[in-house]
């Protein structure tokens, strides 16, 4: 946990897309590497590429936008709304360049990289349609990602945020990537060796017999 991160509490925006546009002006959410997910009572948006920033303004109860540089969060906080920004580099510049009063609080954390494998595996539905899904969920799992195929594993790179006492506080999403794992099927299985080989008896016997 040698890298330092910052957890900033921001004044909640009227429109999340406008805040995102301001943060993009600081280089935090490049268009080619920004993902998001969100949910509300009637809809869930699984993690995927952020293609239209205006979609962020659709009244989500929980909203997360992330990139390699930072993660923007919006959600309920008591009876109101909260807004947070997590990042590892450039926090001072962000604080200085945002409007006065935009940053309400800041907390330094220690961070370390990790990853999460997201839900969804290859499933064949009636009609031979191949999708990504899980038996325990009564729905197809659709992630809006370029080049997605159910044969690929979907991995989220994350940064784990710890407080000064080493207690895990949260994890921030960094990026999504698809991992090709079909090659594992081509690896021949390695059977367990016979007991005499496993304990070395075969080698000793060969030496005694002069092999």
N, C-alpha and C. Protein backbone atom coordinates (compact mmCIF):
# COMPACT_ATOMS: atom_id res chain seq x y z
N UNK A 1 0.84 -1.20 0.00
CA UNK A 1 0.00 0.00 0.00
C UNK A 1 0.87 1.25 0.00
N UNK A 2 1.71 1.37 -1.02
CA UNK A 2 2.65 2.48 -1.06
C UNK A 2 2.10 3.69 -1.79
N UNK A 3 1.06 3.51 -2.62
CA UNK A 3 0.52 4.62 -3.38
C UNK A 3 -0.55 5.34 -2.58
N UNK A 4 -0.62 6.64 -2.76
CA UNK A 4 -1.61 7.43 -2.03
C UNK A 4 -2.78 7.77 -2.93
N UNK A 5 -3.96 7.72 -2.36
CA UNK A 5 -5.16 8.11 -3.08
C UNK A 5 -5.94 9.14 -2.29
N UNK A 6 -6.89 9.76 -2.97
CA UNK A 6 -7.70 10.81 -2.33
C UNK A 6 -9.17 10.53 -2.57
N UNK A 7 -9.93 10.69 -1.50
CA UNK A 7 -11.38 10.50 -1.54
C UNK A 7 -11.99 11.86 -1.26
N UNK A 8 -12.48 12.51 -2.31
CA UNK A 8 -13.02 13.87 -2.20
C UNK A 8 -14.54 13.82 -2.16
N UNK A 9 -15.12 14.59 -1.25
CA UNK A 9 -16.57 14.78 -1.21
C UNK A 9 -16.89 16.08 -1.94
N UNK A 10 -17.70 15.99 -2.98
CA UNK A 10 -18.04 17.15 -3.80
C UNK A 10 -19.47 17.60 -3.55
N UNK A 11 -19.73 18.85 -3.89
CA UNK A 11 -21.10 19.34 -3.83
C UNK A 11 -21.90 18.65 -4.94
N UNK A 12 -23.03 18.03 -4.61
CA UNK A 12 -23.79 17.29 -5.63
C UNK A 12 -24.21 18.20 -6.78
N UNK A 13 -24.03 17.76 -8.01
CA UNK A 13 -24.38 18.58 -9.16
C UNK A 13 -25.86 18.48 -9.49
N UNK A 14 -26.37 19.47 -10.18
CA UNK A 14 -27.74 19.39 -10.68
C UNK A 14 -27.82 18.37 -11.80
N UNK A 15 -26.81 18.38 -12.66
CA UNK A 15 -26.75 17.42 -13.76
C UNK A 15 -25.38 16.75 -13.74
N UNK A 16 -25.32 15.45 -13.54
CA UNK A 16 -24.03 14.75 -13.53
C UNK A 16 -23.23 14.92 -14.81
N UNK A 17 -23.91 15.03 -15.94
CA UNK A 17 -23.19 15.17 -17.21
C UNK A 17 -22.38 16.47 -17.25
N UNK A 18 -22.89 17.53 -16.62
CA UNK A 18 -22.14 18.78 -16.59
C UNK A 18 -20.90 18.66 -15.72
N UNK A 19 -21.02 17.98 -14.59
CA UNK A 19 -19.84 17.76 -13.74
C UNK A 19 -18.82 16.90 -14.47
N UNK A 20 -19.28 15.87 -15.16
CA UNK A 20 -18.35 15.03 -15.93
C UNK A 20 -17.62 15.86 -16.97
N UNK A 21 -18.33 16.77 -17.62
CA UNK A 21 -17.69 17.61 -18.63
C UNK A 21 -16.60 18.48 -18.01
N UNK A 22 -16.86 19.00 -16.81
CA UNK A 22 -15.85 19.80 -16.12
C UNK A 22 -14.63 18.96 -15.76
N UNK A 23 -14.86 17.75 -15.28
CA UNK A 23 -13.76 16.87 -14.90
C UNK A 23 -12.98 16.40 -16.12
N UNK A 24 -13.67 16.26 -17.24
CA UNK A 24 -12.95 15.91 -18.47
C UNK A 24 -12.02 17.04 -18.88
N UNK A 25 -12.40 18.25 -18.57
CA UNK A 25 -11.51 19.37 -18.84
C UNK A 25 -10.24 19.32 -18.03
N UNK A 26 -10.25 18.53 -16.94
CA UNK A 26 -9.06 18.34 -16.12
C UNK A 26 -8.31 17.07 -16.49
N UNK A 27 -8.78 16.39 -17.54
CA UNK A 27 -8.09 15.19 -18.02
C UNK A 27 -8.41 13.92 -17.27
N UNK A 28 -9.52 13.89 -16.52
CA UNK A 28 -9.80 12.74 -15.66
C UNK A 28 -10.60 11.64 -16.34
N UNK A 29 -11.44 11.97 -17.28
CA UNK A 29 -12.32 10.96 -17.88
C UNK A 29 -12.25 11.04 -19.40
N UNK A 30 -11.16 10.54 -20.00
CA UNK A 30 -11.03 10.59 -21.46
C UNK A 30 -12.15 9.80 -22.14
N UNK A 31 -12.64 10.32 -23.24
CA UNK A 31 -13.78 9.70 -23.92
C UNK A 31 -13.49 8.27 -24.35
N UNK A 32 -12.26 7.97 -24.69
CA UNK A 32 -11.94 6.63 -25.17
C UNK A 32 -11.74 5.63 -24.04
N UNK A 33 -11.71 6.09 -22.79
CA UNK A 33 -11.51 5.19 -21.66
C UNK A 33 -12.36 5.61 -20.47
N UNK A 34 -13.66 5.64 -20.67
CA UNK A 34 -14.59 5.94 -19.58
C UNK A 34 -15.73 4.92 -19.61
N UNK A 35 -15.99 4.33 -18.46
CA UNK A 35 -17.05 3.34 -18.31
C UNK A 35 -18.02 3.81 -17.22
N UNK A 36 -19.15 3.13 -17.12
CA UNK A 36 -20.12 3.51 -16.10
C UNK A 36 -21.05 2.36 -15.78
N UNK A 37 -21.72 2.44 -14.64
CA UNK A 37 -22.85 1.58 -14.33
C UNK A 37 -23.76 2.33 -13.36
N UNK A 38 -25.01 1.90 -13.29
CA UNK A 38 -25.99 2.63 -12.48
C UNK A 38 -27.21 1.75 -12.24
N UNK A 39 -28.01 2.16 -11.26
CA UNK A 39 -29.28 1.48 -11.08
C UNK A 39 -30.28 2.39 -10.38
N UNK A 40 -31.54 2.04 -10.59
CA UNK A 40 -32.68 2.66 -9.91
C UNK A 40 -33.74 1.58 -9.76
N UNK A 41 -34.87 1.94 -9.24
CA UNK A 41 -35.88 0.93 -8.90
C UNK A 41 -36.33 0.14 -10.12
N UNK A 42 -36.39 0.77 -11.27
CA UNK A 42 -36.96 0.12 -12.45
C UNK A 42 -35.93 -0.33 -13.48
N UNK A 43 -34.65 -0.09 -13.24
CA UNK A 43 -33.66 -0.39 -14.28
C UNK A 43 -32.27 -0.56 -13.67
N UNK A 44 -31.51 -1.46 -14.27
CA UNK A 44 -30.10 -1.65 -13.91
C UNK A 44 -29.27 -1.53 -15.18
N UNK A 45 -28.26 -0.70 -15.12
CA UNK A 45 -27.28 -0.60 -16.21
C UNK A 45 -26.00 -1.29 -15.75
N UNK A 46 -25.69 -2.42 -16.36
CA UNK A 46 -24.46 -3.13 -16.02
C UNK A 46 -23.25 -2.36 -16.54
N UNK A 47 -22.08 -2.61 -15.98
CA UNK A 47 -20.89 -1.86 -16.41
C UNK A 47 -20.66 -1.95 -17.92
N UNK A 48 -20.34 -0.81 -18.49
CA UNK A 48 -20.08 -0.75 -19.93
C UNK A 48 -19.48 0.59 -20.31
N UNK A 49 -19.21 0.75 -21.58
CA UNK A 49 -18.63 1.98 -22.11
C UNK A 49 -19.63 3.12 -21.98
N UNK A 50 -19.18 4.28 -21.54
CA UNK A 50 -20.04 5.47 -21.50
C UNK A 50 -20.04 6.09 -22.89
N UNK A 51 -21.12 5.88 -23.62
CA UNK A 51 -21.20 6.38 -25.00
C UNK A 51 -21.93 7.71 -25.09
N UNK A 52 -22.88 7.95 -24.20
CA UNK A 52 -23.65 9.19 -24.24
C UNK A 52 -23.73 9.78 -22.83
N UNK A 53 -22.97 10.85 -22.55
CA UNK A 53 -22.96 11.43 -21.20
C UNK A 53 -24.34 11.86 -20.70
N UNK A 54 -25.25 12.20 -21.60
CA UNK A 54 -26.58 12.62 -21.17
C UNK A 54 -27.33 11.50 -20.45
N UNK A 55 -26.93 10.24 -20.67
CA UNK A 55 -27.57 9.13 -19.97
C UNK A 55 -27.36 9.21 -18.46
N UNK A 56 -26.35 9.95 -18.03
CA UNK A 56 -26.07 10.08 -16.60
C UNK A 56 -27.14 10.89 -15.88
N UNK A 57 -27.94 11.66 -16.61
CA UNK A 57 -28.91 12.57 -16.01
C UNK A 57 -30.30 11.96 -15.85
N UNK A 58 -30.41 10.64 -15.97
CA UNK A 58 -31.72 9.99 -15.98
C UNK A 58 -32.24 9.61 -14.60
N UNK A 59 -31.80 10.28 -13.56
CA UNK A 59 -32.36 10.07 -12.23
C UNK A 59 -31.98 8.75 -11.59
N UNK A 60 -30.73 8.36 -11.71
CA UNK A 60 -30.26 7.11 -11.12
C UNK A 60 -30.13 7.24 -9.61
N UNK A 61 -30.49 6.19 -8.90
CA UNK A 61 -30.30 6.19 -7.45
C UNK A 61 -28.83 6.03 -7.09
N UNK A 62 -28.14 5.20 -7.84
CA UNK A 62 -26.70 4.99 -7.68
C UNK A 62 -26.05 5.11 -9.04
N UNK A 63 -24.97 5.87 -9.12
CA UNK A 63 -24.29 6.10 -10.38
C UNK A 63 -22.78 6.11 -10.15
N UNK A 64 -22.07 5.37 -11.00
CA UNK A 64 -20.61 5.38 -10.95
C UNK A 64 -20.06 5.53 -12.36
N UNK A 65 -19.14 6.46 -12.49
CA UNK A 65 -18.43 6.69 -13.75
C UNK A 65 -16.95 6.55 -13.44
N UNK A 66 -16.22 5.77 -14.24
CA UNK A 66 -14.83 5.52 -13.87
C UNK A 66 -13.93 5.45 -15.09
N UNK A 67 -12.66 5.71 -14.83
CA UNK A 67 -11.60 5.69 -15.85
C UNK A 67 -10.30 5.34 -15.14
N UNK A 68 -9.21 5.14 -15.87
CA UNK A 68 -7.94 4.88 -15.20
C UNK A 68 -7.51 6.01 -14.26
N UNK A 69 -8.00 7.23 -14.48
CA UNK A 69 -7.57 8.37 -13.68
C UNK A 69 -8.42 8.58 -12.42
N UNK A 70 -9.70 8.25 -12.46
CA UNK A 70 -10.58 8.61 -11.34
C UNK A 70 -11.90 7.86 -11.42
N UNK A 71 -12.65 7.94 -10.32
CA UNK A 71 -14.02 7.43 -10.30
C UNK A 71 -14.93 8.48 -9.68
N UNK A 72 -16.04 8.75 -10.34
CA UNK A 72 -17.05 9.68 -9.87
C UNK A 72 -18.26 8.88 -9.38
N UNK A 73 -18.72 9.19 -8.17
CA UNK A 73 -19.85 8.48 -7.58
C UNK A 73 -20.95 9.45 -7.19
N UNK A 74 -22.18 9.03 -7.44
CA UNK A 74 -23.34 9.77 -6.95
C UNK A 74 -24.32 8.77 -6.36
N UNK A 75 -24.93 9.14 -5.25
CA UNK A 75 -25.88 8.24 -4.60
C UNK A 75 -26.56 8.92 -3.43
N UNK A 76 -27.44 8.19 -2.80
CA UNK A 76 -28.17 8.73 -1.67
C UNK A 76 -27.26 8.89 -0.46
N UNK A 77 -27.51 9.94 0.29
CA UNK A 77 -26.79 10.18 1.54
C UNK A 77 -27.80 10.72 2.53
N UNK A 78 -28.33 9.82 3.36
CA UNK A 78 -29.44 10.21 4.22
C UNK A 78 -30.66 10.52 3.38
N UNK A 79 -31.22 11.70 3.58
CA UNK A 79 -32.37 12.11 2.79
C UNK A 79 -31.97 12.88 1.54
N UNK A 80 -30.70 13.15 1.41
CA UNK A 80 -30.25 13.90 0.25
C UNK A 80 -29.40 13.07 -0.69
N UNK A 81 -28.58 13.76 -1.45
CA UNK A 81 -27.71 13.11 -2.42
C UNK A 81 -26.27 13.42 -2.06
N UNK A 82 -25.38 12.47 -2.36
CA UNK A 82 -23.96 12.66 -2.14
C UNK A 82 -23.20 12.51 -3.43
N UNK A 83 -22.02 13.10 -3.48
CA UNK A 83 -21.17 13.04 -4.67
C UNK A 83 -19.72 12.92 -4.21
N UNK A 84 -18.99 11.98 -4.81
CA UNK A 84 -17.62 11.73 -4.38
C UNK A 84 -16.73 11.50 -5.60
N UNK A 85 -15.47 11.85 -5.43
CA UNK A 85 -14.47 11.65 -6.48
C UNK A 85 -13.27 10.95 -5.86
N UNK A 86 -12.86 9.83 -6.45
CA UNK A 86 -11.70 9.09 -5.97
C UNK A 86 -10.63 9.10 -7.04
N UNK A 87 -9.40 9.39 -6.66
CA UNK A 87 -8.31 9.44 -7.62
C UNK A 87 -6.99 9.28 -6.89
N UNK A 88 -5.96 8.89 -7.65
CA UNK A 88 -4.65 8.67 -7.05
C UNK A 88 -3.66 9.78 -7.37
N UNK A 89 -3.85 10.47 -8.47
CA UNK A 89 -2.90 11.51 -8.88
C UNK A 89 -3.65 12.79 -9.23
N UNK A 90 -3.00 13.91 -9.01
CA UNK A 90 -3.55 15.19 -9.43
C UNK A 90 -4.65 15.74 -8.57
N UNK A 91 -4.78 15.25 -7.33
CA UNK A 91 -5.87 15.73 -6.47
C UNK A 91 -5.74 17.22 -6.18
N UNK A 92 -4.54 17.69 -5.94
CA UNK A 92 -4.34 19.10 -5.62
C UNK A 92 -4.77 19.99 -6.78
N UNK A 93 -4.43 19.58 -8.00
CA UNK A 93 -4.82 20.36 -9.17
C UNK A 93 -6.34 20.38 -9.33
N UNK A 94 -6.97 19.23 -9.10
CA UNK A 94 -8.43 19.17 -9.20
C UNK A 94 -9.07 20.11 -8.19
N UNK A 95 -8.61 20.06 -6.96
CA UNK A 95 -9.17 20.91 -5.91
C UNK A 95 -9.01 22.39 -6.26
N UNK A 96 -7.86 22.75 -6.79
CA UNK A 96 -7.58 24.15 -7.10
C UNK A 96 -8.36 24.65 -8.31
N UNK A 97 -8.67 23.77 -9.25
CA UNK A 97 -9.29 24.21 -10.49
C UNK A 97 -10.80 24.10 -10.49
N UNK A 98 -11.36 23.36 -9.55
CA UNK A 98 -12.81 23.33 -9.44
C UNK A 98 -13.31 24.62 -8.80
N UNK A 99 -14.57 25.00 -9.04
CA UNK A 99 -15.10 26.24 -8.45
C UNK A 99 -15.01 26.23 -6.93
N UNK A 100 -14.92 27.41 -6.35
CA UNK A 100 -14.87 27.54 -4.89
C UNK A 100 -16.10 26.87 -4.26
N UNK A 101 -15.85 26.08 -3.24
CA UNK A 101 -16.95 25.41 -2.55
C UNK A 101 -17.37 24.09 -3.17
N UNK A 102 -16.75 23.72 -4.29
CA UNK A 102 -17.13 22.46 -4.95
C UNK A 102 -16.66 21.25 -4.15
N UNK A 103 -15.49 21.37 -3.51
CA UNK A 103 -14.94 20.28 -2.70
C UNK A 103 -15.30 20.53 -1.24
N UNK A 104 -16.11 19.65 -0.67
CA UNK A 104 -16.58 19.83 0.70
C UNK A 104 -15.66 19.18 1.72
N UNK A 105 -15.01 18.10 1.32
CA UNK A 105 -14.17 17.35 2.26
C UNK A 105 -13.17 16.53 1.47
N UNK A 106 -12.03 16.23 2.08
CA UNK A 106 -11.02 15.39 1.43
C UNK A 106 -10.40 14.46 2.46
N UNK A 107 -10.11 13.24 2.03
CA UNK A 107 -9.50 12.25 2.91
C UNK A 107 -8.42 11.52 2.14
N UNK A 108 -7.23 11.43 2.73
CA UNK A 108 -6.13 10.70 2.12
C UNK A 108 -6.23 9.22 2.49
N UNK A 109 -5.92 8.35 1.54
CA UNK A 109 -5.96 6.90 1.76
C UNK A 109 -4.72 6.26 1.16
N UNK A 110 -4.44 5.05 1.60
CA UNK A 110 -3.45 4.23 0.94
C UNK A 110 -4.17 3.30 -0.03
N UNK A 111 -3.58 3.05 -1.18
CA UNK A 111 -4.26 2.22 -2.18
C UNK A 111 -3.34 1.12 -2.67
N UNK A 112 -3.96 0.04 -3.15
CA UNK A 112 -3.23 -1.03 -3.79
C UNK A 112 -4.11 -1.63 -4.88
N UNK A 113 -3.52 -2.11 -5.98
CA UNK A 113 -4.31 -2.63 -7.09
C UNK A 113 -4.86 -4.02 -6.81
N UNK A 114 -5.99 -4.31 -7.43
CA UNK A 114 -6.60 -5.63 -7.34
C UNK A 114 -7.50 -5.79 -8.57
N UNK A 115 -8.26 -6.86 -8.61
CA UNK A 115 -9.19 -7.04 -9.72
C UNK A 115 -10.41 -7.82 -9.23
N UNK A 116 -11.49 -7.70 -9.99
CA UNK A 116 -12.73 -8.41 -9.72
C UNK A 116 -13.20 -9.06 -11.02
N UNK A 117 -13.64 -10.30 -10.95
CA UNK A 117 -14.23 -10.96 -12.11
C UNK A 117 -15.74 -10.76 -12.02
N UNK A 118 -16.32 -10.14 -13.05
CA UNK A 118 -17.73 -9.79 -13.01
C UNK A 118 -18.60 -11.01 -13.34
N UNK A 119 -19.86 -10.91 -12.94
CA UNK A 119 -20.80 -12.00 -13.18
C UNK A 119 -20.99 -12.23 -14.67
N UNK A 120 -21.22 -13.48 -15.03
CA UNK A 120 -21.57 -13.82 -16.40
C UNK A 120 -20.62 -14.82 -17.01
N UNK A 121 -21.17 -15.89 -17.51
CA UNK A 121 -20.39 -16.90 -18.21
C UNK A 121 -21.17 -17.36 -19.43
N UNK A 122 -20.53 -18.09 -20.31
CA UNK A 122 -21.17 -18.53 -21.54
C UNK A 122 -22.34 -19.46 -21.23
N UNK A 123 -23.50 -19.12 -21.79
CA UNK A 123 -24.69 -19.95 -21.64
C UNK A 123 -25.36 -20.08 -23.00
N UNK A 124 -25.92 -21.25 -23.26
CA UNK A 124 -26.64 -21.51 -24.51
C UNK A 124 -28.12 -21.61 -24.18
N UNK A 125 -28.92 -20.68 -24.73
CA UNK A 125 -30.35 -20.64 -24.47
C UNK A 125 -31.09 -21.47 -25.50
N UNK A 126 -32.36 -21.76 -25.26
CA UNK A 126 -33.16 -22.45 -26.28
C UNK A 126 -33.08 -21.72 -27.62
N UNK A 127 -32.95 -22.46 -28.68
CA UNK A 127 -32.74 -21.86 -29.98
C UNK A 127 -31.27 -21.71 -30.32
N UNK A 128 -30.42 -22.24 -29.44
CA UNK A 128 -28.96 -22.24 -29.64
C UNK A 128 -28.38 -20.84 -29.61
N UNK A 129 -29.05 -19.91 -28.95
CA UNK A 129 -28.50 -18.55 -28.83
C UNK A 129 -27.52 -18.52 -27.66
N UNK A 130 -26.30 -18.03 -27.94
CA UNK A 130 -25.25 -17.98 -26.94
C UNK A 130 -25.21 -16.59 -26.31
N UNK A 131 -25.27 -16.54 -24.98
CA UNK A 131 -25.30 -15.26 -24.27
C UNK A 131 -24.38 -15.35 -23.06
N UNK A 132 -24.19 -14.21 -22.42
CA UNK A 132 -23.50 -14.17 -21.13
C UNK A 132 -24.57 -14.13 -20.04
N UNK A 133 -24.45 -15.02 -19.05
CA UNK A 133 -25.47 -15.04 -18.02
C UNK A 133 -25.06 -15.91 -16.85
N UNK A 134 -25.97 -16.03 -15.90
CA UNK A 134 -25.80 -16.90 -14.73
C UNK A 134 -27.13 -17.57 -14.44
N UNK A 135 -27.06 -18.83 -14.05
CA UNK A 135 -28.29 -19.59 -13.80
C UNK A 135 -29.12 -18.96 -12.69
N UNK A 136 -28.46 -18.38 -11.68
CA UNK A 136 -29.20 -17.84 -10.53
C UNK A 136 -29.92 -16.53 -10.85
N UNK A 137 -29.60 -15.89 -12.00
CA UNK A 137 -30.27 -14.66 -12.38
C UNK A 137 -31.29 -14.97 -13.48
N UNK A 138 -32.50 -14.45 -13.37
CA UNK A 138 -33.51 -14.73 -14.40
C UNK A 138 -33.42 -13.78 -15.59
N UNK A 139 -32.20 -13.45 -16.01
CA UNK A 139 -32.07 -12.52 -17.14
C UNK A 139 -30.70 -12.67 -17.77
N UNK A 140 -30.63 -12.27 -19.02
CA UNK A 140 -29.34 -12.22 -19.71
C UNK A 140 -28.54 -11.05 -19.15
N UNK A 141 -27.23 -11.24 -19.00
CA UNK A 141 -26.36 -10.18 -18.50
C UNK A 141 -25.66 -9.54 -19.69
N UNK A 142 -26.05 -8.30 -19.97
CA UNK A 142 -25.53 -7.59 -21.14
C UNK A 142 -24.62 -6.46 -20.69
N UNK A 143 -23.36 -6.56 -21.05
CA UNK A 143 -22.38 -5.50 -20.77
C UNK A 143 -22.07 -4.80 -22.09
N UNK A 144 -22.23 -3.49 -22.11
CA UNK A 144 -22.02 -2.73 -23.34
C UNK A 144 -20.52 -2.49 -23.54
N UNK A 145 -19.86 -3.47 -24.13
CA UNK A 145 -18.42 -3.40 -24.36
C UNK A 145 -18.11 -3.79 -25.79
N UNK A 146 -17.19 -3.08 -26.40
CA UNK A 146 -16.78 -3.42 -27.76
C UNK A 146 -16.04 -4.75 -27.75
N UNK A 147 -16.44 -5.63 -28.66
CA UNK A 147 -15.75 -6.91 -28.77
C UNK A 147 -16.14 -7.93 -27.73
N UNK A 148 -17.23 -7.69 -27.00
CA UNK A 148 -17.61 -8.64 -25.95
C UNK A 148 -18.12 -9.93 -26.57
N UNK A 149 -17.68 -11.05 -26.02
CA UNK A 149 -18.18 -12.37 -26.38
C UNK A 149 -18.33 -13.18 -25.10
N UNK A 150 -19.36 -14.01 -25.02
CA UNK A 150 -19.56 -14.78 -23.79
C UNK A 150 -18.39 -15.69 -23.44
N UNK A 151 -17.58 -16.03 -24.44
CA UNK A 151 -16.43 -16.90 -24.18
C UNK A 151 -15.33 -16.19 -23.40
N UNK A 152 -15.38 -14.88 -23.34
CA UNK A 152 -14.35 -14.11 -22.66
C UNK A 152 -14.76 -13.81 -21.22
N UNK A 153 -13.79 -13.81 -20.34
CA UNK A 153 -14.05 -13.40 -18.96
C UNK A 153 -13.98 -11.88 -18.87
N UNK A 154 -14.87 -11.29 -18.09
CA UNK A 154 -14.91 -9.84 -17.93
C UNK A 154 -14.30 -9.48 -16.58
N UNK A 155 -13.21 -8.72 -16.63
CA UNK A 155 -12.45 -8.39 -15.43
C UNK A 155 -12.48 -6.88 -15.20
N UNK A 156 -12.73 -6.50 -13.97
CA UNK A 156 -12.65 -5.09 -13.56
C UNK A 156 -11.37 -4.89 -12.77
N UNK A 157 -10.51 -4.00 -13.26
CA UNK A 157 -9.35 -3.60 -12.47
C UNK A 157 -9.81 -2.57 -11.45
N UNK A 158 -9.38 -2.72 -10.22
CA UNK A 158 -9.82 -1.83 -9.15
C UNK A 158 -8.62 -1.37 -8.32
N UNK A 159 -8.85 -0.32 -7.55
CA UNK A 159 -7.90 0.14 -6.55
C UNK A 159 -8.58 0.02 -5.19
N UNK A 160 -7.94 -0.67 -4.27
CA UNK A 160 -8.48 -0.81 -2.92
C UNK A 160 -8.02 0.37 -2.07
N UNK A 161 -8.95 1.04 -1.43
CA UNK A 161 -8.66 2.22 -0.61
C UNK A 161 -8.69 1.85 0.87
N UNK A 162 -7.57 2.11 1.57
CA UNK A 162 -7.45 1.82 3.00
C UNK A 162 -7.24 3.13 3.77
N UNK A 163 -7.75 3.15 5.00
CA UNK A 163 -7.48 4.31 5.84
C UNK A 163 -6.10 4.18 6.48
N UNK A 164 -5.75 5.15 7.30
CA UNK A 164 -4.40 5.19 7.89
C UNK A 164 -4.13 4.01 8.82
N UNK A 165 -5.20 3.38 9.30
CA UNK A 165 -5.03 2.22 10.19
C UNK A 165 -5.02 0.91 9.41
N UNK A 166 -5.04 1.00 8.08
CA UNK A 166 -4.99 -0.20 7.26
C UNK A 166 -6.32 -0.90 7.08
N UNK A 167 -7.43 -0.22 7.38
CA UNK A 167 -8.75 -0.82 7.23
C UNK A 167 -9.31 -0.50 5.86
N UNK A 168 -9.82 -1.51 5.18
CA UNK A 168 -10.38 -1.32 3.85
C UNK A 168 -11.63 -0.44 3.93
N UNK A 169 -11.65 0.64 3.14
CA UNK A 169 -12.78 1.56 3.14
C UNK A 169 -13.67 1.40 1.92
N UNK A 170 -13.06 1.21 0.76
CA UNK A 170 -13.84 1.07 -0.46
C UNK A 170 -12.92 0.59 -1.57
N UNK A 171 -13.48 0.30 -2.70
CA UNK A 171 -12.69 -0.02 -3.89
C UNK A 171 -13.18 0.84 -5.04
N UNK A 172 -12.25 1.41 -5.76
CA UNK A 172 -12.62 2.25 -6.89
C UNK A 172 -12.36 1.49 -8.19
N UNK A 173 -13.30 1.56 -9.11
CA UNK A 173 -13.13 0.93 -10.42
C UNK A 173 -12.14 1.75 -11.25
N UNK A 174 -11.30 1.03 -11.98
CA UNK A 174 -10.27 1.67 -12.82
C UNK A 174 -10.60 1.49 -14.30
N UNK A 175 -10.79 0.26 -14.72
CA UNK A 175 -11.12 -0.04 -16.12
C UNK A 175 -11.72 -1.43 -16.20
N UNK A 176 -12.35 -1.70 -17.35
CA UNK A 176 -12.85 -3.03 -17.67
C UNK A 176 -12.04 -3.61 -18.81
N UNK A 177 -11.78 -4.90 -18.75
CA UNK A 177 -11.08 -5.55 -19.85
C UNK A 177 -11.61 -6.96 -20.01
N UNK A 178 -11.58 -7.42 -21.25
CA UNK A 178 -12.01 -8.77 -21.59
C UNK A 178 -10.79 -9.67 -21.68
N UNK A 179 -10.87 -10.81 -21.04
CA UNK A 179 -9.74 -11.74 -20.99
C UNK A 179 -10.10 -12.98 -21.78
N UNK A 180 -9.29 -13.28 -22.76
CA UNK A 180 -9.49 -14.48 -23.57
C UNK A 180 -9.01 -15.69 -22.80
N UNK A 181 -9.89 -16.65 -22.59
CA UNK A 181 -9.48 -17.84 -21.84
C UNK A 181 -9.76 -19.12 -22.60
N UNK A 182 -10.04 -19.02 -23.91
CA UNK A 182 -10.27 -20.23 -24.69
C UNK A 182 -9.03 -21.09 -24.76
N UNK A 183 -7.85 -20.45 -24.66
CA UNK A 183 -6.61 -21.20 -24.77
C UNK A 183 -6.46 -22.26 -23.71
N UNK A 184 -7.11 -22.05 -22.56
CA UNK A 184 -6.98 -23.04 -21.50
C UNK A 184 -7.56 -24.38 -21.93
N UNK A 185 -8.53 -24.35 -22.83
CA UNK A 185 -9.13 -25.60 -23.28
C UNK A 185 -8.15 -26.42 -24.11
N UNK A 186 -7.16 -25.78 -24.68
CA UNK A 186 -6.22 -26.49 -25.54
C UNK A 186 -5.07 -27.10 -24.75
N UNK A 187 -4.96 -26.76 -23.48
CA UNK A 187 -3.89 -27.33 -22.67
C UNK A 187 -4.26 -28.75 -22.27
N UNK A 188 -3.41 -29.72 -22.55
CA UNK A 188 -3.74 -31.10 -22.18
C UNK A 188 -3.76 -31.25 -20.67
N UNK A 189 -4.70 -32.01 -20.13
CA UNK A 189 -4.73 -32.22 -18.69
C UNK A 189 -3.52 -33.00 -18.23
N UNK A 190 -3.06 -32.70 -17.02
CA UNK A 190 -1.92 -33.41 -16.44
C UNK A 190 -2.45 -34.39 -15.40
N UNK A 191 -2.45 -35.69 -15.72
CA UNK A 191 -3.00 -36.65 -14.76
C UNK A 191 -2.12 -36.78 -13.54
N UNK A 192 -2.74 -37.16 -12.45
CA UNK A 192 -1.95 -37.43 -11.25
C UNK A 192 -1.00 -38.59 -11.52
N UNK A 193 0.25 -38.51 -11.05
CA UNK A 193 1.19 -39.61 -11.28
C UNK A 193 0.83 -40.82 -10.44
N UNK A 194 1.37 -41.95 -10.86
CA UNK A 194 1.19 -43.16 -10.06
C UNK A 194 1.83 -42.96 -8.70
N UNK A 195 1.33 -43.63 -7.66
CA UNK A 195 1.85 -43.42 -6.30
C UNK A 195 3.35 -43.60 -6.19
N UNK A 196 3.92 -44.63 -6.86
CA UNK A 196 5.36 -44.85 -6.73
C UNK A 196 6.16 -43.73 -7.37
N UNK A 197 5.60 -43.10 -8.41
CA UNK A 197 6.27 -41.96 -9.04
C UNK A 197 6.15 -40.73 -8.14
N UNK A 198 4.98 -40.55 -7.55
CA UNK A 198 4.74 -39.38 -6.72
C UNK A 198 5.68 -39.31 -5.53
N UNK A 199 5.99 -40.44 -4.91
CA UNK A 199 6.84 -40.44 -3.72
C UNK A 199 8.30 -40.72 -4.03
N UNK A 200 8.61 -40.86 -5.33
CA UNK A 200 10.01 -41.05 -5.71
C UNK A 200 10.50 -42.47 -5.70
N UNK A 201 9.64 -43.46 -5.47
CA UNK A 201 10.08 -44.84 -5.44
C UNK A 201 10.56 -45.31 -6.81
N UNK A 202 9.91 -44.84 -7.85
CA UNK A 202 10.29 -45.28 -9.19
C UNK A 202 11.69 -44.82 -9.53
N UNK A 203 12.06 -43.59 -9.14
CA UNK A 203 13.41 -43.09 -9.43
C UNK A 203 14.46 -43.89 -8.67
N UNK A 204 14.19 -44.19 -7.41
CA UNK A 204 15.16 -44.95 -6.62
C UNK A 204 15.31 -46.37 -7.16
N UNK A 205 14.20 -46.95 -7.59
CA UNK A 205 14.26 -48.30 -8.14
C UNK A 205 15.07 -48.31 -9.43
N UNK A 206 14.91 -47.27 -10.25
CA UNK A 206 15.66 -47.19 -11.50
C UNK A 206 17.14 -47.06 -11.22
N UNK A 207 17.51 -46.29 -10.20
CA UNK A 207 18.93 -46.15 -9.85
C UNK A 207 19.51 -47.48 -9.38
N UNK A 208 18.75 -48.21 -8.57
CA UNK A 208 19.24 -49.48 -8.05
C UNK A 208 19.43 -50.51 -9.16
N UNK A 209 18.58 -50.40 -10.19
CA UNK A 209 18.68 -51.35 -11.29
C UNK A 209 19.64 -50.87 -12.37
N UNK A 210 20.26 -49.71 -12.15
CA UNK A 210 21.25 -49.20 -13.09
C UNK A 210 20.68 -48.58 -14.34
N UNK A 211 19.46 -48.07 -14.28
CA UNK A 211 18.87 -47.41 -15.45
C UNK A 211 19.45 -46.01 -15.61
